[in-house]
Amino acid sequence: MKKQFLFIVSFTALFILGANAQVDKSSALFATLKKQDSIFFERGFNQCDLDYLKNHTAVDLKFYHDKIGFQNRALFFENTQKYICSDSEKKPIRKVDAKSLEVFALYNNGKLYGAIQKGIHHFYLREKSKEDIWTSSAKFTHLWILDNDNWKLSVILSYDHQNTVVESDKSSNEITSYDNKNTLIETDKHSIEKLLKRNNVPALGIGIIESGKLSKIEVYGTLDKEKTAPYNTIFKVASLTKPIFTLTVLKLIDKGLLDLDEPLYKYWIDPDIKNDKRYKKLTPKIILTHQTGFPNWRYLTPSNKLTFQFDPGTKYQYSGEGFEYLRNAIENKLGKSIEELAKELLFDPLKMSDTHFWWDKEMDETRYAQNFNDKGEKLEIEKYYEANAAANLLTTVEDYGKFLEYMINGAGLNESLYQEMIKHHAKLKENDFFGLGWEILTDFNNDEFALLHTGKDPGVSSLAIWFPKSKNGYVIFLNGDNAGSIYEELLTKQLYLGNDLWNKR
């Protein structure tokens, strides 16, 4: 038991001599290593995903501990499985003190081959239906090595173990994010989970992009008010489907397979509007800027039929029907489904393996965040078995975070097309515009502007926002209707320029 406790309250770190100066905390390398630390220990240590752990450690891993001695890779995994992952009802949890992180780059003849990461870890004991109990803290130093563009942990030193918090506060069971002055702050995990319970929302997923890098992924709460929501929880994100579809379309345009101003009637005419020649005006640009003249959905109109409510291209009106119209035209023109196209152009290149347009055979229902109404009552799961360009996407924080990171870094588009995407095609109100697939908000502090999209369905609330100038951004997923107070807490107190965003609502 004593040996088990010693292993529980330690796990991590190393001491390596010699390195360049500490890298700037706003740098891409710092964000990358912070993400590595976050995902490695959340999946490998907190969730006991041993396959992930094995794929992200060097074959000659060395673990030096100031209380229990040296372990090679084999012994490290043996002890992890025996002392960390043997009891799912009562297990140790590790959290990093984000303020303590330091990173030092390692170069060989000017080429980056690794990095040293230093900081403080805090350890907790987690039991089902109870708050995590702090047990101890320790300092760590990690040696990360680049192996074929993949970061692997090579050396761990864990030292200065104390039963009092090391250079921090016991409440630092935190998430890391931005305040409205572009500095990092921390929030108590228990406060987040209490906020969720108070609003009858079981789960929150949040991903942070800093300086163009996805650096933080956190999931809080439960899937269904009972089962703890894992790191790779699958959320339904409603209209956050539209940015995925938009980029797929822009990729096709970039490849010369489609033109932004191409008339679509050659490939698709909806039967409901076949006698209204205004269909000839419909193009990808008009649809992606929500200027079709269509209602949001035909089933919400008295006639239950698709109609033009004004001439295409004359003004803005949000329409899921428009995106579905474009999907039909593209599939008819290219002879491929939107699933096939998105997989080829986005999901496979970005390794978005947990993103689905519908409940296909690869969808892992055991990780789905079930949806709840404003009274906290579980809604019946509504499964869809065909793709929709405007709604119903299933994804994880990590997958959508990868997508947002890709967007922030140019999305692999040529510069003129990228600029067309962020151009003010339609004015919604003062300082508020619509580009290609994204709302564009201006007049932030620091001369920032933002591209934003939200999603809302029964029991679903989601948000994605990115700032091209600073290359910061974040995604928020919730599986309940009472999202307002949660957004207010996150935005006004924790996230980059979130107070500005909240005041623009």
Protein backbone atom coordinates (compact mmCIF):
# COMPACT_ATOMS: atom_id res chain seq x y z
CA MET A 1 0.00 0.00 0.00
CA LYS A 2 2.85 2.38 0.86
CA LYS A 3 4.54 1.69 -2.46
CA GLN A 4 1.25 2.30 -4.26
CA PHE A 5 0.77 5.62 -2.50
CA LEU A 6 4.30 6.75 -3.34
CA PHE A 7 3.72 5.98 -6.99
CA ILE A 8 0.35 7.73 -6.94
CA VAL A 9 1.68 10.98 -5.52
CA SER A 10 4.60 11.24 -7.89
CA PHE A 11 4.52 10.11 -11.54
CA THR A 12 6.44 12.52 -13.81
CA ALA A 13 9.48 14.63 -14.57
CA LEU A 14 13.18 14.89 -15.25
CA PHE A 15 16.33 16.93 -14.98
CA ILE A 16 18.38 17.53 -18.12
CA LEU A 17 21.42 19.81 -18.27
CA GLY A 18 22.13 22.18 -21.12
CA ALA A 19 19.63 23.87 -23.40
CA ASN A 20 18.93 27.11 -25.18
CA ALA A 21 17.10 29.94 -23.44
CA GLN A 22 13.50 29.30 -22.47
CA VAL A 23 11.19 29.67 -25.45
CA ASP A 24 8.59 32.43 -25.37
CA LYS A 25 5.29 31.34 -23.85
CA SER A 26 3.45 32.78 -26.85
CA SER A 27 5.49 30.67 -29.28
CA ALA A 28 4.17 27.76 -31.30
CA LEU A 29 6.70 25.38 -29.69
CA PHE A 30 5.55 26.27 -26.19
CA ALA A 31 1.90 25.71 -27.18
CA THR A 32 2.80 22.40 -28.83
CA LEU A 33 4.60 21.10 -25.75
CA LYS A 34 1.82 22.27 -23.46
CA LYS A 35 -0.61 20.31 -25.60
CA GLN A 36 1.68 17.26 -25.45
CA ASP A 37 1.74 17.45 -21.66
CA SER A 38 -2.03 17.94 -21.47
CA ILE A 39 -3.00 15.08 -23.76
CA PHE A 40 -0.26 12.66 -22.69
CA PHE A 41 -1.19 12.72 -19.02
CA GLU A 42 -4.94 13.10 -19.45
CA ARG A 43 -5.20 10.12 -21.77
CA GLY A 44 -2.32 8.01 -20.52
CA PHE A 45 -2.43 8.68 -16.77
CA ASN A 46 -5.90 9.99 -15.90
CA GLN A 47 -7.86 7.82 -18.36
CA CYS A 48 -5.41 4.91 -18.54
CA ASP A 49 -5.29 4.72 -22.33
CA LEU A 50 -2.20 2.54 -22.28
CA ASP A 51 -2.08 2.12 -26.06
CA TYR A 52 -1.85 5.89 -26.42
CA LEU A 53 0.83 5.98 -23.72
CA LYS A 54 2.90 3.33 -25.48
CA ASN A 55 2.65 5.11 -28.84
CA HIS A 56 3.92 8.36 -27.33
CA THR A 57 6.89 7.14 -25.30
CA ALA A 58 10.35 6.35 -26.61
CA VAL A 59 11.41 2.70 -26.79
CA ASP A 60 14.28 3.48 -24.39
CA LEU A 61 12.16 5.52 -21.95
CA LYS A 62 13.92 6.33 -18.67
CA PHE A 63 12.01 7.34 -15.53
CA TYR A 64 13.94 8.74 -12.55
CA HIS A 65 12.04 9.22 -9.29
CA ASP A 66 13.42 10.68 -6.08
CA LYS A 67 11.42 8.29 -3.86
CA ILE A 68 11.08 4.99 -5.70
CA GLY A 69 14.18 5.00 -7.88
CA PHE A 70 14.78 4.26 -11.57
CA GLN A 71 12.38 2.52 -13.95
CA ASN A 72 12.94 1.45 -17.53
CA ARG A 73 10.07 1.40 -20.03
CA ALA A 74 8.91 -2.11 -19.17
CA LEU A 75 8.82 -1.46 -15.43
CA PHE A 76 7.23 1.94 -15.98
CA PHE A 77 4.27 0.36 -17.82
CA GLU A 78 4.04 -2.50 -15.37
CA ASN A 79 3.75 -0.10 -12.43
CA THR A 80 1.38 2.21 -14.28
CA GLN A 81 -1.02 -0.64 -14.95
CA LYS A 82 -0.61 -2.09 -11.46
CA TYR A 83 -0.74 1.03 -9.30
CA ILE A 84 -2.43 3.69 -11.47
CA CYS A 85 -4.91 1.84 -13.64
CA SER A 86 -6.02 -1.16 -11.62
CA ASP A 87 -9.06 0.47 -9.97
CA SER A 88 -11.35 2.64 -12.08
CA GLU A 89 -13.52 3.54 -9.06
CA LYS A 90 -10.66 5.04 -7.05
CA LYS A 91 -7.60 6.23 -8.89
CA PRO A 92 -4.89 8.89 -8.93
CA ILE A 93 -5.26 11.94 -11.16
CA ARG A 94 -2.51 14.32 -12.23
CA LYS A 95 -2.93 18.02 -13.12
CA VAL A 96 -0.30 20.48 -14.24
CA ASP A 97 0.26 23.92 -12.73
CA ALA A 98 0.12 25.79 -16.04
CA LYS A 99 1.90 28.87 -14.70
CA SER A 100 4.93 26.75 -13.86
CA LEU A 101 5.59 25.44 -17.38
CA GLU A 102 8.90 26.23 -19.07
CA VAL A 103 10.15 24.92 -22.41
CA PHE A 104 13.70 24.85 -23.81
CA ALA A 105 14.31 23.93 -27.43
CA LEU A 106 16.99 21.43 -28.48
CA TYR A 107 18.68 21.89 -31.85
CA ASN A 108 21.26 19.98 -33.86
CA ASN A 109 22.92 22.16 -36.50
CA GLY A 110 19.92 24.44 -36.51
CA LYS A 111 17.33 21.64 -36.77
CA LEU A 112 14.87 21.12 -33.92
CA TYR A 113 15.10 17.56 -32.61
CA GLY A 114 13.59 17.81 -29.14
CA ALA A 115 12.66 19.96 -26.18
CA ILE A 116 12.97 20.08 -22.41
CA GLN A 117 9.84 20.85 -20.44
CA LYS A 118 9.83 21.78 -16.76
CA GLY A 119 7.07 22.52 -14.28
CA ILE A 120 4.98 21.38 -11.34
CA HIS A 121 2.43 18.60 -11.16
CA HIS A 122 -0.28 18.24 -8.52
CA PHE A 123 -1.77 14.86 -7.69
CA TYR A 124 -5.31 14.01 -6.64
CA LEU A 125 -7.33 10.95 -5.69
CA ARG A 126 -10.55 10.60 -7.67
CA GLU A 127 -13.55 8.58 -6.52
CA LYS A 128 -16.87 8.28 -8.29
CA SER A 129 -19.42 10.93 -7.29
CA LYS A 130 -16.89 12.73 -5.07
CA GLU A 131 -14.69 15.77 -5.50
CA ASP A 132 -11.04 15.07 -6.31
CA ILE A 133 -8.86 15.09 -3.19
CA TRP A 134 -5.44 16.73 -3.41
CA THR A 135 -2.65 14.42 -2.20
CA SER A 136 0.70 15.95 -3.11
CA SER A 137 2.83 17.96 -5.53
CA ALA A 138 6.15 17.47 -7.29
CA LYS A 139 8.44 19.15 -9.75
CA PHE A 140 9.18 17.58 -13.12
CA THR A 141 11.49 17.86 -16.08
CA HIS A 142 10.66 16.01 -19.31
CA LEU A 143 12.76 15.35 -22.36
CA TRP A 144 10.60 15.20 -25.49
CA ILE A 145 12.14 13.89 -28.72
CA LEU A 146 10.84 14.45 -32.25
CA ASP A 147 10.48 11.08 -33.94
CA ASN A 148 9.27 11.41 -37.56
CA ASP A 149 7.41 14.60 -36.66
CA ASN A 150 5.82 12.90 -33.62
CA TRP A 151 6.69 14.02 -30.09
CA LYS A 152 7.64 11.16 -27.77
CA LEU A 153 8.53 11.30 -24.11
CA SER A 154 12.07 10.01 -23.70
CA VAL A 155 13.17 10.89 -20.17
CA ILE A 156 11.12 11.65 -17.06
CA LEU A 157 12.47 13.07 -13.82
CA SER A 158 10.05 13.43 -10.91
CA TYR A 159 11.46 15.07 -7.79
CA ASP A 160 10.90 17.31 -4.77
CA HIS A 161 7.74 15.42 -3.79
CA GLN A 162 5.89 17.16 -1.02
CA ASN A 163 2.64 16.71 0.83
CA THR A 164 2.21 20.48 0.69
CA VAL A 165 1.61 22.25 -2.59
CA VAL A 166 4.83 23.24 -4.32
CA GLU A 167 4.89 26.97 -5.18
CA SER A 168 1.18 27.01 -5.86
CA ASP A 169 -2.24 26.80 -4.26
CA LYS A 170 -4.20 23.68 -3.41
CA SER A 171 -7.08 24.88 -5.53
CA SER A 172 -5.03 24.71 -8.72
CA ASN A 173 -7.04 21.84 -10.15
CA GLU A 174 -7.33 24.12 -13.12
CA ILE A 175 -8.10 24.68 -16.70
CA THR A 176 -5.79 27.04 -18.51
CA SER A 177 -7.06 29.78 -20.74
CA TYR A 178 -6.88 33.45 -21.63
CA ASP A 179 -8.22 36.42 -19.76
CA ASN A 180 -9.30 39.54 -21.61
CA LYS A 181 -5.85 41.09 -21.38
CA ASN A 182 -4.19 38.26 -23.25
CA THR A 183 -2.67 36.65 -20.18
CA LEU A 184 -3.10 33.16 -18.82
CA ILE A 185 -5.32 32.50 -15.84
CA GLU A 186 -6.60 29.37 -14.11
CA THR A 187 -9.95 28.18 -12.89
CA ASP A 188 -10.87 25.60 -10.29
CA LYS A 189 -12.14 22.39 -11.90
CA HIS A 190 -14.71 21.96 -9.14
CA SER A 191 -16.10 25.42 -9.83
CA ILE A 192 -16.64 24.42 -13.46
CA GLU A 193 -18.42 21.22 -12.51
CA LYS A 194 -20.59 23.04 -9.97
CA LEU A 195 -21.46 25.56 -12.68
CA LEU A 196 -22.52 22.69 -14.94
CA LYS A 197 -24.67 21.10 -12.25
CA ARG A 198 -26.29 24.42 -11.37
CA ASN A 199 -27.36 24.83 -15.00
CA ASN A 200 -28.41 21.21 -15.60
CA VAL A 201 -25.70 20.72 -18.22
CA PRO A 202 -23.81 17.45 -17.70
CA ALA A 203 -20.69 18.03 -19.82
CA LEU A 204 -18.42 20.79 -21.08
CA GLY A 205 -15.67 20.35 -23.63
CA ILE A 206 -13.21 23.15 -24.28
CA GLY A 207 -10.21 23.46 -26.59
CA ILE A 208 -7.73 26.36 -26.58
CA ILE A 209 -5.60 27.48 -29.53
CA GLU A 210 -2.65 29.71 -28.64
CA SER A 211 -0.43 31.34 -31.25
CA GLY A 212 -1.68 28.96 -33.91
CA LYS A 213 -1.34 25.76 -31.88
CA LEU A 214 -3.97 23.64 -30.16
CA SER A 215 -2.52 23.72 -26.65
CA LYS A 216 -5.28 22.66 -24.28
CA ILE A 217 -8.12 20.15 -24.40
CA GLU A 218 -10.38 19.66 -21.39
CA VAL A 219 -13.64 17.79 -20.87
CA TYR A 220 -15.61 18.20 -17.63
CA GLY A 221 -18.64 16.52 -16.13
CA THR A 222 -20.49 13.43 -17.31
CA LEU A 223 -21.92 11.89 -20.44
CA ASP A 224 -25.30 11.23 -18.90
CA LYS A 225 -25.14 12.49 -15.28
CA GLU A 226 -23.51 9.22 -14.28
CA LYS A 227 -20.58 8.19 -16.46
CA THR A 228 -17.56 10.52 -16.36
CA ALA A 229 -17.07 12.25 -19.71
CA PRO A 230 -13.73 11.07 -21.14
CA TYR A 231 -11.11 13.16 -22.86
CA ASN A 232 -12.41 11.98 -26.24
CA THR A 233 -16.11 12.52 -25.56
CA ILE A 234 -18.14 12.75 -28.77
CA PHE A 235 -20.44 15.76 -28.91
CA LYS A 236 -23.16 16.65 -31.35
CA VAL A 237 -22.29 20.21 -32.45
CA ALA A 238 -25.27 21.22 -34.62
CA SER A 239 -24.41 24.11 -36.97
CA LEU A 240 -20.67 23.81 -36.39
CA THR A 241 -21.11 21.38 -39.27
CA LYS A 242 -21.26 24.38 -41.60
CA PRO A 243 -17.61 25.50 -41.23
CA ILE A 244 -16.49 21.93 -41.96
CA PHE A 245 -18.63 21.85 -45.10
CA THR A 246 -17.46 25.35 -46.07
CA LEU A 247 -13.79 24.41 -45.98
CA THR A 248 -14.50 21.24 -47.96
CA VAL A 249 -16.11 23.44 -50.64
CA LEU A 250 -13.20 25.89 -50.59
CA LYS A 251 -10.76 23.00 -50.98
CA LEU A 252 -12.66 21.88 -54.08
CA ILE A 253 -12.48 25.43 -55.44
CA ASP A 254 -8.77 25.59 -54.67
CA LYS A 255 -8.27 22.37 -56.64
CA GLY A 256 -10.18 23.75 -59.64
CA LEU A 257 -13.04 21.25 -59.25
CA LEU A 258 -15.57 23.98 -58.56
CA ASP A 259 -15.80 27.72 -59.08
CA LEU A 260 -16.96 30.16 -56.43
CA ASP A 261 -19.26 31.97 -58.89
CA GLU A 262 -20.34 28.91 -60.85
CA PRO A 263 -24.12 28.58 -61.50
CA LEU A 264 -25.38 25.45 -59.76
CA TYR A 265 -28.51 24.77 -61.83
CA LYS A 266 -26.44 22.66 -64.21
CA TYR A 267 -26.04 20.10 -61.43
CA TRP A 268 -29.07 20.51 -59.17
CA ILE A 269 -32.49 22.17 -59.15
CA ASP A 270 -34.66 21.48 -56.13
CA PRO A 271 -38.08 20.24 -57.34
CA ASP A 272 -39.83 22.83 -55.15
CA ILE A 273 -38.30 25.75 -57.09
CA LYS A 274 -38.08 24.30 -60.60
CA ASN A 275 -40.64 26.84 -61.88
CA ASP A 276 -38.89 29.85 -60.31
CA LYS A 277 -36.05 30.88 -62.63
CA ARG A 278 -34.25 32.62 -59.78
CA TYR A 279 -32.56 29.27 -59.19
CA LYS A 280 -30.19 30.29 -62.01
CA LYS A 281 -28.67 32.92 -59.72
CA LEU A 282 -27.52 30.41 -57.09
CA THR A 283 -23.73 29.99 -56.79
CA PRO A 284 -21.40 28.64 -54.07
CA LYS A 285 -20.56 32.21 -53.02
CA ILE A 286 -24.21 33.22 -52.61
CA ILE A 287 -24.90 30.08 -50.59
CA LEU A 288 -21.81 30.28 -48.34
CA THR A 289 -22.64 33.91 -47.52
CA HIS A 290 -26.28 33.04 -46.70
CA GLN A 291 -27.78 35.20 -49.43
CA THR A 292 -29.91 32.57 -51.18
CA GLY A 293 -33.30 33.98 -50.21
CA PHE A 294 -34.21 30.60 -48.71
CA PRO A 295 -35.68 30.14 -45.22
CA ASN A 296 -33.54 28.34 -42.66
CA TRP A 297 -35.53 25.11 -43.17
CA ARG A 298 -38.56 24.51 -45.38
CA TYR A 299 -40.29 22.47 -42.70
CA LEU A 300 -40.48 25.63 -40.57
CA THR A 301 -42.62 27.41 -43.20
CA PRO A 302 -46.42 27.09 -43.57
CA SER A 303 -46.15 25.49 -47.00
CA ASN A 304 -43.43 23.02 -45.95
CA LYS A 305 -41.85 23.70 -49.36
CA LEU A 306 -38.65 25.42 -50.42
CA THR A 307 -39.29 28.93 -51.77
CA PHE A 308 -37.38 32.12 -52.45
CA GLN A 309 -38.30 34.78 -49.89
CA PHE A 310 -36.27 37.41 -51.75
CA ASP A 311 -33.97 37.59 -54.78
CA PRO A 312 -30.68 35.67 -54.33
CA GLY A 313 -27.66 37.87 -53.67
CA THR A 314 -29.61 40.89 -52.40
CA LYS A 315 -29.38 40.43 -48.63
CA TYR A 316 -28.40 38.10 -45.81
CA GLN A 317 -30.69 35.44 -44.32
CA TYR A 318 -29.30 32.42 -42.48
CA SER A 319 -30.26 29.21 -44.27
CA GLY A 320 -29.41 25.59 -43.67
CA GLU A 321 -31.39 24.83 -46.83
CA GLY A 322 -28.80 26.73 -48.85
CA PHE A 323 -25.97 24.53 -47.59
CA GLU A 324 -27.96 21.40 -48.37
CA TYR A 325 -28.67 22.79 -51.85
CA LEU A 326 -24.94 23.21 -52.44
CA ARG A 327 -24.22 19.71 -51.12
CA ASN A 328 -26.65 18.20 -53.65
CA ALA A 329 -25.11 20.18 -56.49
CA ILE A 330 -21.54 19.20 -55.59
CA GLU A 331 -22.37 15.52 -55.14
CA ASN A 332 -24.12 15.45 -58.49
CA LYS A 333 -21.28 17.23 -60.25
CA LEU A 334 -18.41 15.22 -58.78
CA GLY A 335 -20.10 11.86 -58.25
CA LYS A 336 -18.90 11.67 -54.65
CA SER A 337 -20.70 12.07 -51.34
CA ILE A 338 -19.85 14.88 -48.96
CA GLU A 339 -18.57 12.25 -46.52
CA GLU A 340 -16.09 10.99 -49.10
CA LEU A 341 -14.96 14.49 -50.02
CA ALA A 342 -14.55 15.68 -46.43
CA LYS A 343 -12.67 12.52 -45.49
CA GLU A 344 -10.29 12.94 -48.43
CA LEU A 345 -9.73 16.68 -48.05
CA LEU A 346 -9.99 17.21 -44.27
CA PHE A 347 -10.60 14.28 -41.96
CA ASP A 348 -7.77 12.02 -43.12
CA PRO A 349 -5.10 14.76 -43.57
CA LEU A 350 -5.92 16.29 -40.17
CA LYS A 351 -6.39 12.88 -38.48
CA MET A 352 -9.92 13.77 -37.40
CA SER A 353 -10.78 10.11 -36.79
CA ASP A 354 -13.68 10.82 -34.39
CA THR A 355 -15.66 13.14 -36.68
CA HIS A 356 -18.79 11.85 -38.41
CA PHE A 357 -21.59 13.41 -40.44
CA TRP A 358 -23.96 10.71 -39.19
CA TRP A 359 -24.16 7.64 -36.95
CA ASP A 360 -22.03 5.42 -39.15
CA LYS A 361 -20.52 2.10 -38.06
CA GLU A 362 -17.38 3.84 -36.76
CA MET A 363 -19.34 6.01 -34.34
CA ASP A 364 -18.60 4.96 -30.73
CA GLU A 365 -21.91 5.46 -28.94
CA THR A 366 -20.34 4.71 -25.54
CA ARG A 367 -18.50 8.05 -25.72
CA TYR A 368 -21.48 10.15 -26.82
CA ALA A 369 -22.47 13.11 -24.60
CA GLN A 370 -26.21 12.61 -24.29
CA ASN A 371 -28.36 15.71 -24.52
CA PHE A 372 -30.45 17.37 -21.80
CA ASN A 373 -33.14 20.05 -21.76
CA ASP A 374 -33.26 23.16 -19.57
CA LYS A 375 -34.83 21.16 -16.72
CA GLY A 376 -31.99 18.68 -16.77
CA GLU A 377 -34.11 15.96 -18.34
CA LYS A 378 -32.43 13.57 -20.74
CA LEU A 379 -33.61 13.87 -24.33
CA GLU A 380 -34.08 10.85 -26.52
CA ILE A 381 -31.04 10.27 -28.73
CA GLU A 382 -31.89 11.31 -32.26
CA LYS A 383 -29.72 9.39 -34.68
CA TYR A 384 -29.24 10.43 -38.30
CA TYR A 385 -28.16 8.03 -41.02
CA GLU A 386 -27.35 10.40 -43.84
CA ALA A 387 -25.14 13.47 -44.10
CA ASN A 388 -26.40 17.02 -43.77
CA ALA A 389 -24.13 19.90 -44.84
CA ALA A 390 -25.60 22.24 -42.24
CA ALA A 391 -26.18 20.21 -39.07
CA ASN A 392 -25.76 17.06 -36.94
CA LEU A 393 -21.96 16.70 -37.05
CA LEU A 394 -20.52 14.40 -34.36
CA THR A 395 -17.00 15.24 -33.19
CA THR A 396 -14.60 15.64 -30.28
CA VAL A 397 -12.89 18.69 -28.83
CA GLU A 398 -9.56 17.44 -30.14
CA ASP A 399 -10.83 16.85 -33.67
CA TYR A 400 -12.58 20.19 -33.96
CA GLY A 401 -9.61 21.85 -32.29
CA LYS A 402 -7.37 20.41 -35.02
CA PHE A 403 -9.74 21.84 -37.60
CA LEU A 404 -9.72 25.28 -35.97
CA GLU A 405 -5.92 25.18 -35.69
CA TYR A 406 -5.81 24.43 -39.41
CA MET A 407 -8.13 27.35 -40.17
CA ILE A 408 -6.01 29.73 -38.11
CA ASN A 409 -2.91 28.72 -40.05
CA GLY A 410 -4.41 29.33 -43.49
CA ALA A 411 -6.25 26.03 -44.03
CA GLY A 412 -3.91 25.14 -46.89
CA LEU A 413 -5.76 27.57 -49.19
CA ASN A 414 -4.17 29.92 -51.67
CA GLU A 415 -3.92 33.45 -50.32
CA SER A 416 -6.55 35.02 -52.59
CA LEU A 417 -9.14 32.39 -51.66
CA TYR A 418 -8.30 32.73 -47.97
CA GLN A 419 -8.81 36.50 -48.22
CA GLU A 420 -12.12 35.89 -49.99
CA MET A 421 -13.20 33.75 -47.05
CA ILE A 422 -12.59 36.51 -44.50
CA LYS A 423 -13.96 39.29 -46.73
CA HIS A 424 -17.06 41.21 -45.58
CA HIS A 425 -19.58 39.85 -48.11
CA ALA A 426 -22.72 40.77 -46.17
CA LYS A 427 -23.32 43.26 -43.38
CA LEU A 428 -25.41 41.98 -40.47
CA LYS A 429 -25.13 45.02 -38.20
CA GLU A 430 -22.51 47.51 -37.02
CA ASN A 431 -19.10 45.77 -36.81
CA ASP A 432 -20.73 42.45 -37.71
CA PHE A 433 -20.43 40.83 -41.13
CA PHE A 434 -20.58 37.49 -42.89
CA GLY A 435 -17.80 36.00 -44.97
CA LEU A 436 -17.67 32.59 -46.59
CA GLY A 437 -19.18 30.25 -44.01
CA TRP A 438 -18.17 32.37 -41.00
CA GLU A 439 -19.58 35.37 -39.18
CA ILE A 440 -16.95 38.10 -38.88
CA LEU A 441 -16.87 40.31 -35.78
CA THR A 442 -14.74 43.46 -35.75
CA ASP A 443 -13.85 46.29 -33.36
CA PHE A 444 -12.26 44.15 -30.65
CA ASN A 445 -9.51 45.44 -28.40
CA ASN A 446 -5.97 45.18 -29.82
CA ASP A 447 -7.36 45.77 -33.35
CA GLU A 448 -8.41 42.12 -33.42
CA PHE A 449 -11.20 40.70 -35.52
CA ALA A 450 -12.76 37.27 -35.15
CA LEU A 451 -14.40 34.58 -37.23
CA LEU A 452 -17.20 32.92 -35.33
CA HIS A 453 -19.78 30.18 -35.67
CA THR A 454 -22.21 28.74 -33.16
CA GLY A 455 -24.43 25.68 -33.03
CA LYS A 456 -27.77 25.15 -31.31
CA ASP A 457 -30.12 22.17 -31.22
CA PRO A 458 -32.24 20.69 -28.43
CA GLY A 459 -29.72 19.76 -25.74
CA VAL A 460 -26.80 21.11 -27.81
CA SER A 461 -24.87 24.36 -27.62
CA SER A 462 -21.51 24.89 -29.30
CA LEU A 463 -19.18 27.72 -30.28
CA ALA A 464 -16.01 28.06 -32.35
CA ILE A 465 -14.08 31.32 -32.69
CA TRP A 466 -10.67 32.27 -34.04
CA PHE A 467 -8.68 35.48 -34.27
CA PRO A 468 -6.51 35.64 -37.43
CA LYS A 469 -4.24 38.40 -36.10
CA SER A 470 -3.08 36.74 -32.88
CA LYS A 471 -3.84 33.19 -34.06
CA ASN A 472 -5.71 32.51 -30.85
CA GLY A 473 -9.05 30.74 -30.63
CA TYR A 474 -11.22 28.26 -28.78
CA VAL A 475 -14.07 25.79 -29.10
CA ILE A 476 -16.78 25.19 -26.50
CA PHE A 477 -19.13 22.19 -26.55
CA LEU A 478 -22.07 21.71 -24.17
CA ASN A 479 -24.66 18.93 -24.05
CA GLY A 480 -27.47 20.90 -22.41
CA ASP A 481 -29.84 23.77 -23.14
CA ASN A 482 -28.91 26.12 -20.28
CA ALA A 483 -25.75 27.46 -21.89
CA GLY A 484 -26.03 31.20 -21.17
CA SER A 485 -24.58 31.32 -17.66
CA ILE A 486 -21.81 28.91 -18.60
CA TYR A 487 -20.81 30.96 -21.63
CA GLU A 488 -20.87 34.10 -19.52
CA GLU A 489 -18.55 32.56 -16.91
CA LEU A 490 -16.10 31.22 -19.49
CA LEU A 491 -16.07 34.26 -21.75
CA THR A 492 -16.11 37.15 -19.29
CA LYS A 493 -13.61 35.66 -16.86
CA GLN A 494 -11.41 33.22 -18.71
CA LEU A 495 -11.10 33.24 -22.49
CA TYR A 496 -9.19 35.47 -24.87
CA LEU A 497 -11.20 38.66 -25.59
CA GLY A 498 -14.20 36.79 -24.26
CA ASN A 499 -15.54 39.81 -22.41
CA ASP A 500 -15.60 41.74 -25.69
CA LEU A 501 -17.35 38.81 -27.36
CA TRP A 502 -19.94 38.52 -24.58
CA ASN A 503 -20.74 42.24 -24.87
CA LYS A 504 -21.33 41.85 -28.61
CA ARG A 505 -24.02 39.21 -28.14
